[in-house]
């Protein structure tokens, strides 16, 4: 797994967490004047995944700049504990849209000519 793939997995994970945190906060609102707020806790040391396999630089295959970025989705075990309705929403709606967004946002476009920079000396 390349560093870019790992970064994208983290971004998608954060996006999913933000969506569910927003939904969770909205569900906690009991009436107009009384609100309860959820709190985020950072993962403990034993919950952090270390030693993720990254292929050595000489084995990483370069791709053409015209090829789209390839994003692979890996689920954390906690996703499978969600209710079926929420899992389907993540799997069928949120993640495909997030992957499509990041593929477009991180798309490298070929330049038509040389890039000229103004430099002050």
PDB file of N, CA and C in Angstrom:
ATOM      1  N   UNK A   1       0.863  -1.168   0.000  1.00  0.00           N
ATOM      2  CA  UNK A   1       0.000   0.000   0.000  1.00  0.00           C
ATOM      3  C   UNK A   1       0.907   1.227   0.000  1.00  0.00           C
ATOM      4  N   UNK A   2       0.704   2.112  -0.945  1.00  0.00           N
ATOM      5  CA  UNK A   2       1.562   3.290  -1.036  1.00  0.00           C
ATOM      6  C   UNK A   2       1.160   4.328  -0.001  1.00  0.00           C
ATOM      7  N   UNK A   3       2.021   5.306   0.185  1.00  0.00           N
ATOM      8  CA  UNK A   3       1.732   6.375   1.151  1.00  0.00           C
ATOM      9  C   UNK A   3       0.494   7.157   0.734  1.00  0.00           C
ATOM     10  N   UNK A   4       0.327   7.373  -0.580  1.00  0.00           N
ATOM     11  CA  UNK A   4      -0.845   8.110  -1.067  1.00  0.00           C
ATOM     12  C   UNK A   4      -2.118   7.321  -0.781  1.00  0.00           C
ATOM     13  N   UNK A   5      -2.073   5.998  -0.991  1.00  0.00           N
ATOM     14  CA  UNK A   5      -3.242   5.161  -0.709  1.00  0.00           C
ATOM     15  C   UNK A   5      -3.579   5.211   0.765  1.00  0.00           C
ATOM     16  N   UNK A   6      -2.563   5.139   1.605  1.00  0.00           N
ATOM     17  CA  UNK A   6      -2.777   5.207   3.045  1.00  0.00           C
ATOM     18  C   UNK A   6      -3.382   6.552   3.430  1.00  0.00           C
ATOM     19  N   UNK A   7      -2.885   7.624   2.849  1.00  0.00           N
ATOM     20  CA  UNK A   7      -3.419   8.954   3.118  1.00  0.00           C
ATOM     21  C   UNK A   7      -4.880   9.050   2.694  1.00  0.00           C
ATOM     22  N   UNK A   8      -5.203   8.497   1.539  1.00  0.00           N
ATOM     23  CA  UNK A   8      -6.582   8.537   1.064  1.00  0.00           C
ATOM     24  C   UNK A   8      -7.498   7.713   1.952  1.00  0.00           C
ATOM     25  N   UNK A   9      -7.009   6.571   2.441  1.00  0.00           N
ATOM     26  CA  UNK A   9      -7.814   5.759   3.364  1.00  0.00           C
ATOM     27  C   UNK A   9      -8.132   6.555   4.620  1.00  0.00           C
ATOM     28  N   UNK A  10      -7.150   7.281   5.125  1.00  0.00           N
ATOM     29  CA  UNK A  10      -7.364   8.104   6.316  1.00  0.00           C
ATOM     30  C   UNK A  10      -8.376   9.205   6.015  1.00  0.00           C
ATOM     31  N   UNK A  11      -8.261   9.846   4.848  1.00  0.00           N
ATOM     32  CA  UNK A  11      -9.200  10.919   4.480  1.00  0.00           C
ATOM     33  C   UNK A  11     -10.624  10.402   4.365  1.00  0.00           C
ATOM     34  N   UNK A  12     -10.790   9.245   3.728  1.00  0.00           N
ATOM     35  CA  UNK A  12     -12.131   8.667   3.594  1.00  0.00           C
ATOM     36  C   UNK A  12     -12.670   8.287   4.959  1.00  0.00           C
ATOM     37  N   UNK A  13     -11.801   7.733   5.811  1.00  0.00           N
ATOM     38  CA  UNK A  13     -12.224   7.378   7.164  1.00  0.00           C
ATOM     39  C   UNK A  13     -12.680   8.613   7.931  1.00  0.00           C
ATOM     40  N   UNK A  14     -11.936   9.711   7.804  1.00  0.00           N
ATOM     41  CA  UNK A  14     -12.329  10.951   8.474  1.00  0.00           C
ATOM     42  C   UNK A  14     -13.648  11.479   7.931  1.00  0.00           C
ATOM     43  N   UNK A  15     -13.849  11.360   6.626  1.00  0.00           N
ATOM     44  CA  UNK A  15     -15.100  11.806   6.024  1.00  0.00           C
ATOM     45  C   UNK A  15     -16.276  11.014   6.574  1.00  0.00           C
ATOM     46  N   UNK A  16     -16.120   9.696   6.660  1.00  0.00           N
ATOM     47  CA  UNK A  16     -17.189   8.849   7.201  1.00  0.00           C
ATOM     48  C   UNK A  16     -17.445   9.199   8.659  1.00  0.00           C
ATOM     49  N   UNK A  17     -16.372   9.401   9.437  1.00  0.00           N
ATOM     50  CA  UNK A  17     -16.544   9.768  10.846  1.00  0.00           C
ATOM     51  C   UNK A  17     -17.261  11.105  10.983  1.00  0.00           C
ATOM     52  N   UNK A  18     -16.932  12.070  10.130  1.00  0.00           N
ATOM     53  CA  UNK A  18     -17.594  13.379  10.188  1.00  0.00           C
ATOM     54  C   UNK A  18     -19.076  13.257   9.888  1.00  0.00           C
ATOM     55  N   UNK A  19     -19.419  12.462   8.886  1.00  0.00           N
ATOM     56  CA  UNK A  19     -20.830  12.297   8.525  1.00  0.00           C
ATOM     57  C   UNK A  19     -21.592  11.673   9.674  1.00  0.00           C
ATOM     58  N   UNK A  20     -21.024  10.632  10.295  1.00  0.00           N
ATOM     59  CA  UNK A  20     -21.736   9.975  11.380  1.00  0.00           C
ATOM     60  C   UNK A  20     -21.743  10.816  12.646  1.00  0.00           C
ATOM     61  N   UNK A  21     -20.695  11.590  12.887  1.00  0.00           N
ATOM     62  CA  UNK A  21     -20.703  12.484  14.044  1.00  0.00           C
ATOM     63  C   UNK A  21     -21.792  13.530  13.877  1.00  0.00           C
ATOM     64  N   UNK A  22     -21.929  14.073  12.669  1.00  0.00           N
ATOM     65  CA  UNK A  22     -22.964  15.071  12.402  1.00  0.00           C
ATOM     66  C   UNK A  22     -24.353  14.456  12.604  1.00  0.00           C
ATOM     67  N   UNK A  23     -24.561  13.232  12.079  1.00  0.00           N
ATOM     68  CA  UNK A  23     -25.846  12.546  12.246  1.00  0.00           C
ATOM     69  C   UNK A  23     -26.101  12.268  13.712  1.00  0.00           C
ATOM     70  N   UNK A  24     -25.060  11.830  14.425  1.00  0.00           N
ATOM     71  CA  UNK A  24     -25.198  11.490  15.833  1.00  0.00           C
ATOM     72  C   UNK A  24     -25.566  12.727  16.649  1.00  0.00           C
ATOM     73  N   UNK A  25     -24.928  13.853  16.376  1.00  0.00           N
ATOM     74  CA  UNK A  25     -25.237  15.092  17.099  1.00  0.00           C
ATOM     75  C   UNK A  25     -26.670  15.508  16.819  1.00  0.00           C
ATOM     76  N   UNK A  26     -27.107  15.404  15.575  1.00  0.00           N
ATOM     77  CA  UNK A  26     -28.482  15.775  15.242  1.00  0.00           C
ATOM     78  C   UNK A  26     -29.489  14.881  15.943  1.00  0.00           C
ATOM     79  N   UNK A  27     -29.176  13.602  16.104  1.00  0.00           N
ATOM     80  CA  UNK A  27     -30.082  12.692  16.793  1.00  0.00           C
ATOM     81  C   UNK A  27     -30.126  12.981  18.283  1.00  0.00           C
ATOM     82  N   UNK A  28     -29.056  13.567  18.825  1.00  0.00           N
ATOM     83  CA  UNK A  28     -29.007  13.845  20.256  1.00  0.00           C
ATOM     84  C   UNK A  28     -29.775  15.103  20.647  1.00  0.00           C
ATOM     85  N   UNK A  29     -30.136  15.913  19.683  1.00  0.00           N
ATOM     86  CA  UNK A  29     -30.876  17.128  20.003  1.00  0.00           C
ATOM     87  C   UNK A  29     -32.285  16.730  20.445  1.00  0.00           C
ATOM     88  N   UNK A  30     -32.608  17.012  21.705  1.00  0.00           N
ATOM     89  CA  UNK A  30     -33.887  16.548  22.240  1.00  0.00           C
ATOM     90  C   UNK A  30     -35.008  17.534  21.987  1.00  0.00           C
ATOM     91  N   UNK A  31     -34.777  18.810  22.104  1.00  0.00           N
ATOM     92  CA  UNK A  31     -35.758  19.822  21.728  1.00  0.00           C
ATOM     93  C   UNK A  31     -35.017  21.106  21.378  1.00  0.00           C
ATOM     94  N   UNK A  32     -35.765  22.179  21.173  1.00  0.00           N
ATOM     95  CA  UNK A  32     -35.148  23.412  20.697  1.00  0.00           C
ATOM     96  C   UNK A  32     -34.166  24.019  21.688  1.00  0.00           C
ATOM     97  N   UNK A  33     -34.398  23.871  22.987  1.00  0.00           N
ATOM     98  CA  UNK A  33     -33.594  24.570  23.990  1.00  0.00           C
ATOM     99  C   UNK A  33     -32.571  23.677  24.677  1.00  0.00           C
ATOM    100  N   UNK A  34     -32.680  22.398  24.509  1.00  0.00           N
ATOM    101  CA  UNK A  34     -31.766  21.498  25.211  1.00  0.00           C
ATOM    102  C   UNK A  34     -30.972  20.686  24.183  1.00  0.00           C
ATOM    103  N   UNK A  35     -29.653  20.808  24.240  1.00  0.00           N
ATOM    104  CA  UNK A  35     -28.788  20.078  23.317  1.00  0.00           C
ATOM    105  C   UNK A  35     -27.771  19.279  24.115  1.00  0.00           C
ATOM    106  N   UNK A  36     -27.467  18.110  23.617  1.00  0.00           N
ATOM    107  CA  UNK A  36     -26.357  17.325  24.147  1.00  0.00           C
ATOM    108  C   UNK A  36     -25.330  17.222  23.028  1.00  0.00           C
ATOM    109  N   UNK A  37     -24.076  17.363  23.362  1.00  0.00           N
ATOM    110  CA  UNK A  37     -23.032  17.305  22.345  1.00  0.00           C
ATOM    111  C   UNK A  37     -22.222  16.032  22.528  1.00  0.00           C
ATOM    112  N   UNK A  38     -21.868  15.423  21.413  1.00  0.00           N
ATOM    113  CA  UNK A  38     -21.008  14.248  21.501  1.00  0.00           C
ATOM    114  C   UNK A  38     -19.561  14.719  21.651  1.00  0.00           C
ATOM    115  N   UNK A  39     -18.736  13.885  22.202  1.00  0.00           N
ATOM    116  CA  UNK A  39     -17.322  14.218  22.356  1.00  0.00           C
ATOM    117  C   UNK A  39     -16.500  13.183  21.605  1.00  0.00           C
ATOM    118  N   UNK A  40     -15.447  13.657  20.987  1.00  0.00           N
ATOM    119  CA  UNK A  40     -14.564  12.763  20.242  1.00  0.00           C
ATOM    120  C   UNK A  40     -13.391  12.381  21.129  1.00  0.00           C
ATOM    121  N   UNK A  41     -13.086  11.101  21.161  1.00  0.00           N
ATOM    122  CA  UNK A  41     -11.918  10.634  21.905  1.00  0.00           C
ATOM    123  C   UNK A  41     -10.898  10.106  20.908  1.00  0.00           C
ATOM    124  N   UNK A  42      -9.670  10.527  21.077  1.00  0.00           N
ATOM    125  CA  UNK A  42      -8.605  10.037  20.212  1.00  0.00           C
ATOM    126  C   UNK A  42      -8.356   8.566  20.507  1.00  0.00           C
ATOM    127  N   UNK A  43      -7.908   7.799  19.512  1.00  0.00           N
ATOM    128  CA  UNK A  43      -7.658   6.377  19.749  1.00  0.00           C
ATOM    129  C   UNK A  43      -6.514   6.175  20.739  1.00  0.00           C
ATOM    130  N   UNK A  44      -6.611   5.100  21.477  1.00  0.00           N
ATOM    131  CA  UNK A  44      -5.538   4.764  22.412  1.00  0.00           C
ATOM    132  C   UNK A  44      -4.365   4.193  21.624  1.00  0.00           C
ATOM    133  N   UNK A  45      -3.244   4.051  22.287  1.00  0.00           N
ATOM    134  CA  UNK A  45      -2.025   3.563  21.633  1.00  0.00           C
ATOM    135  C   UNK A  45      -2.240   2.180  21.009  1.00  0.00           C
ATOM    136  N   UNK A  46      -2.986   1.303  21.677  1.00  0.00           N
ATOM    137  CA  UNK A  46      -3.187  -0.049  21.149  1.00  0.00           C
ATOM    138  C   UNK A  46      -4.202  -0.088  20.000  1.00  0.00           C
ATOM    139  N   UNK A  47      -4.953   0.985  19.779  1.00  0.00           N
ATOM    140  CA  UNK A  47      -5.903   1.035  18.672  1.00  0.00           C
ATOM    141  C   UNK A  47      -5.267   1.562  17.385  1.00  0.00           C
ATOM    142  N   UNK A  48      -4.091   2.154  17.483  1.00  0.00           N
ATOM    143  CA  UNK A  48      -3.403   2.693  16.313  1.00  0.00           C
ATOM    144  C   UNK A  48      -2.717   1.544  15.579  1.00  0.00           C
ATOM    145  N   UNK A  49      -2.958   1.455  14.280  1.00  0.00           N
ATOM    146  CA  UNK A  49      -2.368   0.387  13.477  1.00  0.00           C
ATOM    147  C   UNK A  49      -0.969   0.810  13.057  1.00  0.00           C
ATOM    148  N   UNK A  50       0.006   0.036  13.455  1.00  0.00           N
ATOM    149  CA  UNK A  50       1.409   0.331  13.132  1.00  0.00           C
ATOM    150  C   UNK A  50       1.937  -0.721  12.156  1.00  0.00           C
ATOM    151  N   UNK A  51       3.009  -0.399  11.503  1.00  0.00           N
ATOM    152  CA  UNK A  51       3.669  -1.374  10.635  1.00  0.00           C
ATOM    153  C   UNK A  51       2.872  -1.711   9.388  1.00  0.00           C
ATOM    154  N   UNK A  52       2.159  -0.735   8.836  1.00  0.00           N
ATOM    155  CA  UNK A  52       1.407  -0.969   7.607  1.00  0.00           C
ATOM    156  C   UNK A  52       2.404  -1.240   6.489  1.00  0.00           C
ATOM    157  N   UNK A  53       2.149  -2.303   5.725  1.00  0.00           N
ATOM    158  CA  UNK A  53       3.075  -2.699   4.665  1.00  0.00           C
ATOM    159  C   UNK A  53       3.077  -1.667   3.542  1.00  0.00           C
ATOM    160  N   UNK A  54       4.240  -1.138   3.254  1.00  0.00           N
ATOM    161  CA  UNK A  54       4.427  -0.234   2.122  1.00  0.00           C
ATOM    162  C   UNK A  54       5.520  -0.848   1.262  1.00  0.00           C
ATOM    163  N   UNK A  55       5.218  -1.011  -0.016  1.00  0.00           N
ATOM    164  CA  UNK A  55       6.196  -1.635  -0.900  1.00  0.00           C
ATOM    165  C   UNK A  55       7.444  -0.771  -1.013  1.00  0.00           C
ATOM    166  N   UNK A  56       8.609  -1.404  -1.131  1.00  0.00           N
ATOM    167  CA  UNK A  56       9.845  -0.635  -1.312  1.00  0.00           C
ATOM    168  C   UNK A  56       9.760   0.220  -2.578  1.00  0.00           C
ATOM    169  N   UNK A  57      10.501   1.310  -2.580  1.00  0.00           N
ATOM    170  CA  UNK A  57      10.440   2.278  -3.682  1.00  0.00           C
ATOM    171  C   UNK A  57      10.761   1.639  -5.031  1.00  0.00           C
ATOM    172  N   UNK A  58      11.668   0.655  -5.048  1.00  0.00           N
ATOM    173  CA  UNK A  58      12.040   0.060  -6.332  1.00  0.00           C
ATOM    174  C   UNK A  58      10.964  -0.893  -6.864  1.00  0.00           C
ATOM    175  N   UNK A  59       9.979  -1.264  -6.033  1.00  0.00           N
ATOM    176  CA  UNK A  59       8.904  -2.139  -6.488  1.00  0.00           C
ATOM    177  C   UNK A  59       7.631  -1.383  -6.858  1.00  0.00           C
ATOM    178  N   UNK A  60       7.545  -0.136  -6.442  1.00  0.00           N
ATOM    179  CA  UNK A  60       6.350   0.647  -6.737  1.00  0.00           C
ATOM    180  C   UNK A  60       6.318   0.939  -8.233  1.00  0.00           C
ATOM    181  N   UNK A  61       5.202   0.590  -8.854  1.00  0.00           N
ATOM    182  CA  UNK A  61       5.082   0.802 -10.295  1.00  0.00           C
ATOM    183  C   UNK A  61       4.573   2.210 -10.554  1.00  0.00           C
ATOM    184  N   UNK A  62       5.250   2.898 -11.446  1.00  0.00           N
ATOM    185  CA  UNK A  62       4.811   4.239 -11.809  1.00  0.00           C
ATOM    186  C   UNK A  62       3.677   4.113 -12.806  1.00  0.00           C
ATOM    187  N   UNK A  63       2.781   5.071 -12.750  1.00  0.00           N
ATOM    188  CA  UNK A  63       1.669   5.071 -13.686  1.00  0.00           C
ATOM    189  C   UNK A  63       1.749   6.319 -14.545  1.00  0.00           C
ATOM    190  N   UNK A  64       1.082   6.272 -15.661  1.00  0.00           N
ATOM    191  CA  UNK A  64       1.034   7.421 -16.548  1.00  0.00           C
ATOM    192  C   UNK A  64       0.229   8.523 -15.878  1.00  0.00           C
ATOM    193  N   UNK A  65       0.559   9.774 -16.156  1.00  0.00           N
ATOM    194  CA  UNK A  65      -0.200  10.866 -15.553  1.00  0.00           C
ATOM    195  C   UNK A  65      -1.608  10.939 -16.111  1.00  0.00           C
ATOM    196  N   UNK A  66      -1.840  10.274 -17.238  1.00  0.00           N
ATOM    197  CA  UNK A  66      -3.180  10.271 -17.817  1.00  0.00           C
ATOM    198  C   UNK A  66      -4.102   9.252 -17.152  1.00  0.00           C
ATOM    199  N   UNK A  67      -3.538   8.309 -16.407  1.00  0.00           N
ATOM    200  CA  UNK A  67      -4.363   7.315 -15.718  1.00  0.00           C
ATOM    201  C   UNK A  67      -4.938   7.926 -14.451  1.00  0.00           C
ATOM    202  N   UNK A  68      -6.191   7.586 -14.127  1.00  0.00           N
ATOM    203  CA  UNK A  68      -6.772   8.118 -12.886  1.00  0.00           C
ATOM    204  C   UNK A  68      -6.125   7.476 -11.663  1.00  0.00           C
ATOM    205  N   UNK A  69      -6.209   8.174 -10.560  1.00  0.00           N
ATOM    206  CA  UNK A  69      -5.702   7.665  -9.296  1.00  0.00           C
ATOM    207  C   UNK A  69      -6.545   6.470  -8.885  1.00  0.00           C
ATOM    208  N   UNK A  70      -5.917   5.413  -8.438  1.00  0.00           N
ATOM    209  CA  UNK A  70      -6.648   4.221  -8.018  1.00  0.00           C
ATOM    210  C   UNK A  70      -6.792   4.240  -6.504  1.00  0.00           C
ATOM    211  N   UNK A  71      -8.024   4.202  -6.026  1.00  0.00           N
ATOM    212  CA  UNK A  71      -8.288   4.216  -4.591  1.00  0.00           C
ATOM    213  C   UNK A  71      -8.925   2.889  -4.210  1.00  0.00           C
ATOM    214  N   UNK A  72      -8.327   2.207  -3.247  1.00  0.00           N
ATOM    215  CA  UNK A  72      -8.884   0.956  -2.730  1.00  0.00           C
ATOM    216  C   UNK A  72      -9.509   1.226  -1.374  1.00  0.00           C
ATOM    217  N   UNK A  73     -10.622   0.571  -1.108  1.00  0.00           N
ATOM    218  CA  UNK A  73     -11.328   0.770   0.154  1.00  0.00           C
ATOM    219  C   UNK A  73     -11.093  -0.443   1.045  1.00  0.00           C
ATOM    220  N   UNK A  74     -10.650  -0.185   2.266  1.00  0.00           N
ATOM    221  CA  UNK A  74     -10.476  -1.224   3.270  1.00  0.00           C
ATOM    222  C   UNK A  74     -11.311  -0.833   4.474  1.00  0.00           C
ATOM    223  N   UNK A  75     -12.173  -1.743   4.918  1.00  0.00           N
ATOM    224  CA  UNK A  75     -13.043  -1.448   6.050  1.00  0.00           C
ATOM    225  C   UNK A  75     -12.375  -1.799   7.367  1.00  0.00           C
ATOM    226  N   UNK A  76     -12.562  -0.938   8.334  1.00  0.00           N
ATOM    227  CA  UNK A  76     -12.180  -1.209   9.709  1.00  0.00           C
ATOM    228  C   UNK A  76     -13.210  -2.188  10.274  1.00  0.00           C
ATOM    229  N   UNK A  77     -12.824  -2.991  11.268  1.00  0.00           N
ATOM    230  CA  UNK A  77     -13.761  -3.981  11.820  1.00  0.00           C
ATOM    231  C   UNK A  77     -14.998  -3.333  12.437  1.00  0.00           C
ATOM    232  N   UNK A  78     -14.892  -2.079  12.859  1.00  0.00           N
ATOM    233  CA  UNK A  78     -16.031  -1.409  13.493  1.00  0.00           C
ATOM    234  C   UNK A  78     -17.163  -1.138  12.503  1.00  0.00           C
ATOM    235  N   UNK A  79     -16.849  -1.056  11.213  1.00  0.00           N
ATOM    236  CA  UNK A  79     -17.883  -0.791  10.211  1.00  0.00           C
ATOM    237  C   UNK A  79     -18.876  -1.946  10.149  1.00  0.00           C
ATOM    238  N   UNK A  80     -18.398  -3.166  10.353  1.00  0.00           N
ATOM    239  CA  UNK A  80     -19.267  -4.333  10.266  1.00  0.00           C
ATOM    240  C   UNK A  80     -20.211  -4.439  11.461  1.00  0.00           C
ATOM    241  N   UNK A  81     -19.941  -3.684  12.519  1.00  0.00           N
ATOM    242  CA  UNK A  81     -20.825  -3.706  13.688  1.00  0.00           C
ATOM    243  C   UNK A  81     -21.974  -2.718  13.564  1.00  0.00           C
ATOM    244  N   UNK A  82     -21.985  -1.927  12.522  1.00  0.00           N
ATOM    245  CA  UNK A  82     -23.057  -0.959  12.318  1.00  0.00           C
ATOM    246  C   UNK A  82     -24.354  -1.669  11.941  1.00  0.00           C
ATOM    247  N   UNK A  83     -25.457  -0.959  12.140  1.00  0.00           N
ATOM    248  CA  UNK A  83     -26.740  -1.482  11.695  1.00  0.00           C
ATOM    249  C   UNK A  83     -26.688  -1.651  10.183  1.00  0.00           C
ATOM    250  N   UNK A  84     -27.469  -2.591   9.668  1.00  0.00           N
ATOM    251  CA  UNK A  84     -27.459  -2.888   8.234  1.00  0.00           C
ATOM    252  C   UNK A  84     -27.761  -1.646   7.395  1.00  0.00           C
ATOM    253  N   UNK A  85     -28.715  -0.830   7.846  1.00  0.00           N
ATOM    254  CA  UNK A  85     -29.107   0.373   7.105  1.00  0.00           C
ATOM    255  C   UNK A  85     -27.937   1.353   6.992  1.00  0.00           C
ATOM    256  N   UNK A  86     -27.206   1.553   8.093  1.00  0.00           N
ATOM    257  CA  UNK A  86     -26.068   2.478   8.076  1.00  0.00           C
ATOM    258  C   UNK A  86     -24.919   1.916   7.246  1.00  0.00           C
ATOM    259  N   UNK A  87     -24.691   0.597   7.346  1.00  0.00           N
ATOM    260  CA  UNK A  87     -23.632  -0.024   6.557  1.00  0.00           C
ATOM    261  C   UNK A  87     -23.915   0.141   5.065  1.00  0.00           C
ATOM    262  N   UNK A  88     -25.167  -0.089   4.666  1.00  0.00           N
ATOM    263  CA  UNK A  88     -25.524   0.056   3.255  1.00  0.00           C
ATOM    264  C   UNK A  88     -25.388   1.505   2.793  1.00  0.00           C
ATOM    265  N   UNK A  89     -25.729   2.455   3.678  1.00  0.00           N
ATOM    266  CA  UNK A  89     -25.584   3.862   3.322  1.00  0.00           C
ATOM    267  C   UNK A  89     -24.109   4.197   3.093  1.00  0.00           C
ATOM    268  N   UNK A  90     -23.231   3.691   3.960  1.00  0.00           N
ATOM    269  CA  UNK A  90     -21.793   3.930   3.799  1.00  0.00           C
ATOM    270  C   UNK A  90     -21.289   3.275   2.519  1.00  0.00           C
ATOM    271  N   UNK A  91     -21.620   2.005   2.351  1.00  0.00           N
ATOM    272  CA  UNK A  91     -21.085   1.212   1.255  1.00  0.00           C
ATOM    273  C   UNK A  91     -21.631   1.629  -0.106  1.00  0.00           C
ATOM    274  N   UNK A  92     -22.901   2.016  -0.167  1.00  0.00           N
ATOM    275  CA  UNK A  92     -23.533   2.289  -1.453  1.00  0.00           C
ATOM    276  C   UNK A  92     -23.623   3.767  -1.809  1.00  0.00           C
ATOM    277  N   UNK A  93     -23.502   4.659  -0.818  1.00  0.00           N
ATOM    278  CA  UNK A  93     -23.688   6.079  -1.095  1.00  0.00           C
ATOM    279  C   UNK A  93     -22.460   6.907  -0.738  1.00  0.00           C
ATOM    280  N   UNK A  94     -22.077   6.880   0.532  1.00  0.00           N
ATOM    281  CA  UNK A  94     -21.030   7.777   1.023  1.00  0.00           C
ATOM    282  C   UNK A  94     -19.664   7.448   0.427  1.00  0.00           C
ATOM    283  N   UNK A  95     -19.236   6.191   0.529  1.00  0.00           N
ATOM    284  CA  UNK A  95     -17.891   5.847   0.051  1.00  0.00           C
ATOM    285  C   UNK A  95     -17.727   5.987  -1.459  1.00  0.00           C
ATOM    286  N   UNK A  96     -18.670   5.530  -2.284  1.00  0.00           N
ATOM    287  CA  UNK A  96     -18.475   5.755  -3.726  1.00  0.00           C
ATOM    288  C   UNK A  96     -18.377   7.241  -4.080  1.00  0.00           C
ATOM    289  N   UNK A  97     -19.193   8.072  -3.423  1.00  0.00           N
ATOM    290  CA  UNK A  97     -19.115   9.515  -3.674  1.00  0.00           C
ATOM    291  C   UNK A  97     -17.786  10.086  -3.191  1.00  0.00           C
ATOM    292  N   UNK A  98     -17.314   9.627  -2.033  1.00  0.00           N
ATOM    293  CA  UNK A  98     -16.040  10.110  -1.495  1.00  0.00           C
ATOM    294  C   UNK A  98     -14.879   9.697  -2.396  1.00  0.00           C
ATOM    295  N   UNK A  99     -14.897   8.456  -2.863  1.00  0.00           N
ATOM    296  CA  UNK A  99     -13.834   7.974  -3.748  1.00  0.00           C
ATOM    297  C   UNK A  99     -13.832   8.775  -5.044  1.00  0.00           C
ATOM    298  N   UNK A 100     -15.008   9.003  -5.607  1.00  0.00           N
ATOM    299  CA  UNK A 100     -15.114   9.776  -6.849  1.00  0.00           C
ATOM    300  C   UNK A 100     -14.590  11.199  -6.640  1.00  0.00           C
ATOM    301  N   UNK A 101     -14.953  11.803  -5.486  1.00  0.00           N
ATOM    302  CA  UNK A 101     -14.482  13.156  -5.185  1.00  0.00           C
ATOM    303  C   UNK A 101     -12.959  13.201  -5.116  1.00  0.00           C
ATOM    304  N   UNK A 102     -12.340  12.278  -4.350  1.00  0.00           N
ATOM    305  CA  UNK A 102     -10.887  12.310  -4.179  1.00  0.00           C
ATOM    306  C   UNK A 102     -10.157  11.963  -5.470  1.00  0.00           C
ATOM    307  N   UNK A 103     -10.737  11.075  -6.295  1.00  0.00           N
ATOM    308  CA  UNK A 103     -10.111  10.779  -7.581  1.00  0.00           C
ATOM    309  C   UNK A 103     -10.069  12.029  -8.459  1.00  0.00           C
ATOM    310  N   UNK A 104     -11.137  12.810  -8.434  1.00  0.00           N
ATOM    311  CA  UNK A 104     -11.168  14.039  -9.231  1.00  0.00           C
ATOM    312  C   UNK A 104     -10.313  15.141  -8.605  1.00  0.00           C
ATOM    313  N   UNK A 105     -10.377  15.272  -7.275  1.00  0.00           N
ATOM    314  CA  UNK A 105      -9.639  16.340  -6.589  1.00  0.00           C
ATOM    315  C   UNK A 105      -8.132  16.153  -6.709  1.00  0.00           C
ATOM    316  N   UNK A 106      -7.676  14.916  -6.715  1.00  0.00           N
ATOM    317  CA  UNK A 106      -6.239  14.644  -6.753  1.00  0.00           C
ATOM    318  C   UNK A 106      -5.753  14.269  -8.148  1.00  0.00           C
ATOM    319  N   UNK A 107      -6.574  14.510  -9.136  1.00  0.00           N
ATOM    320  CA  UNK A 107      -6.228  14.178 -10.510  1.00  0.00           C
ATOM    321  C   UNK A 107      -5.108  15.094 -10.999  1.00  0.00           C
ATOM    322  N   UNK A 108      -4.100  14.490 -11.568  1.00  0.00           N
ATOM    323  CA  UNK A 108      -2.988  15.255 -12.126  1.00  0.00           C
ATOM    324  C   UNK A 108      -3.325  15.541 -13.582  1.00  0.00           C
ATOM    325  N   UNK A 109      -3.249  16.779 -13.948  1.00  0.00           N
ATOM    326  CA  UNK A 109      -3.565  17.165 -15.322  1.00  0.00           C
ATOM    327  C   UNK A 109      -2.281  17.517 -16.065  1.00  0.00           C
ATOM    328  N   UNK A 110      -2.207  17.069 -17.278  1.00  0.00           N
ATOM    329  CA  UNK A 110      -1.032  17.334 -18.102  1.00  0.00           C
ATOM    330  C   UNK A 110      -1.026  18.806 -18.508  1.00  0.00           C
ATOM    331  N   UNK A 111       0.128  19.445 -18.382  1.00  0.00           N
ATOM    332  CA  UNK A 111       0.220  20.851 -18.777  1.00  0.00           C
ATOM    333  C   UNK A 111       0.439  20.937 -20.283  1.00  0.00           C
ATOM    334  N   UNK A 112      -0.098  21.992 -20.891  1.00  0.00           N
ATOM    335  CA  UNK A 112       0.024  22.173 -22.334  1.00  0.00           C
ATOM    336  C   UNK A 112       1.399  22.656 -22.760  1.00  0.00           C
ATOM    337  N   UNK A 113       2.087  23.311 -21.878  1.00  0.00           N
ATOM    338  CA  UNK A 113       3.402  23.859 -22.207  1.00  0.00           C
ATOM    339  C   UNK A 113       4.222  24.008 -20.945  1.00  0.00           C
ATOM    340  N   UNK A 114       5.346  24.681 -21.051  1.00  0.00           N
ATOM    341  CA  UNK A 114       6.184  24.853 -19.861  1.00  0.00           C
ATOM    342  C   UNK A 114       5.522  25.787 -18.846  1.00  0.00           C
ATOM    343  N   UNK A 115       5.799  25.558 -17.600  1.00  0.00           N
ATOM    344  CA  UNK A 115       5.290  26.414 -16.531  1.00  0.00           C
ATOM    345  C   UNK A 115       6.320  27.507 -16.294  1.00  0.00           C
ATOM    346  N   UNK A 116       5.909  28.753 -16.421  1.00  0.00           N
ATOM    347  CA  UNK A 116       6.820  29.886 -16.240  1.00  0.00           C
ATOM    348  C   UNK A 116       6.522  30.551 -14.902  1.00  0.00           C
ATOM    349  N   UNK A 117       7.568  30.790 -14.152  1.00  0.00           N
ATOM    350  CA  UNK A 117       7.421  31.382 -12.828  1.00  0.00           C
ATOM    351  C   UNK A 117       8.050  32.770 -12.799  1.00  0.00           C
ATOM    352  N   UNK A 118       7.395  33.707 -12.131  1.00  0.00           N
ATOM    353  CA  UNK A 118       7.968  35.025 -11.879  1.00  0.00           C
ATOM    354  C   UNK A 118       8.764  34.933 -10.591  1.00  0.00           C
ATOM    355  N   UNK A 119      10.000  35.282 -10.640  1.00  0.00           N
ATOM    356  CA  UNK A 119      10.825  35.203  -9.431  1.00  0.00           C
ATOM    357  C   UNK A 119      11.425  36.562  -9.145  1.00  0.00           C
ATOM    358  N   UNK A 120      11.355  36.953  -7.896  1.00  0.00           N
ATOM    359  CA  UNK A 120      11.999  38.198  -7.458  1.00  0.00           C
ATOM    360  C   UNK A 120      13.392  37.859  -6.955  1.00  0.00           C
ATOM    361  N   UNK A 121      14.352  38.677  -7.317  1.00  0.00           N
ATOM    362  CA  UNK A 121      15.729  38.427  -6.893  1.00  0.00           C
ATOM    363  C   UNK A 121      16.099  39.389  -5.800  1.00  0.00           C
TER     364      UNK A 121
END
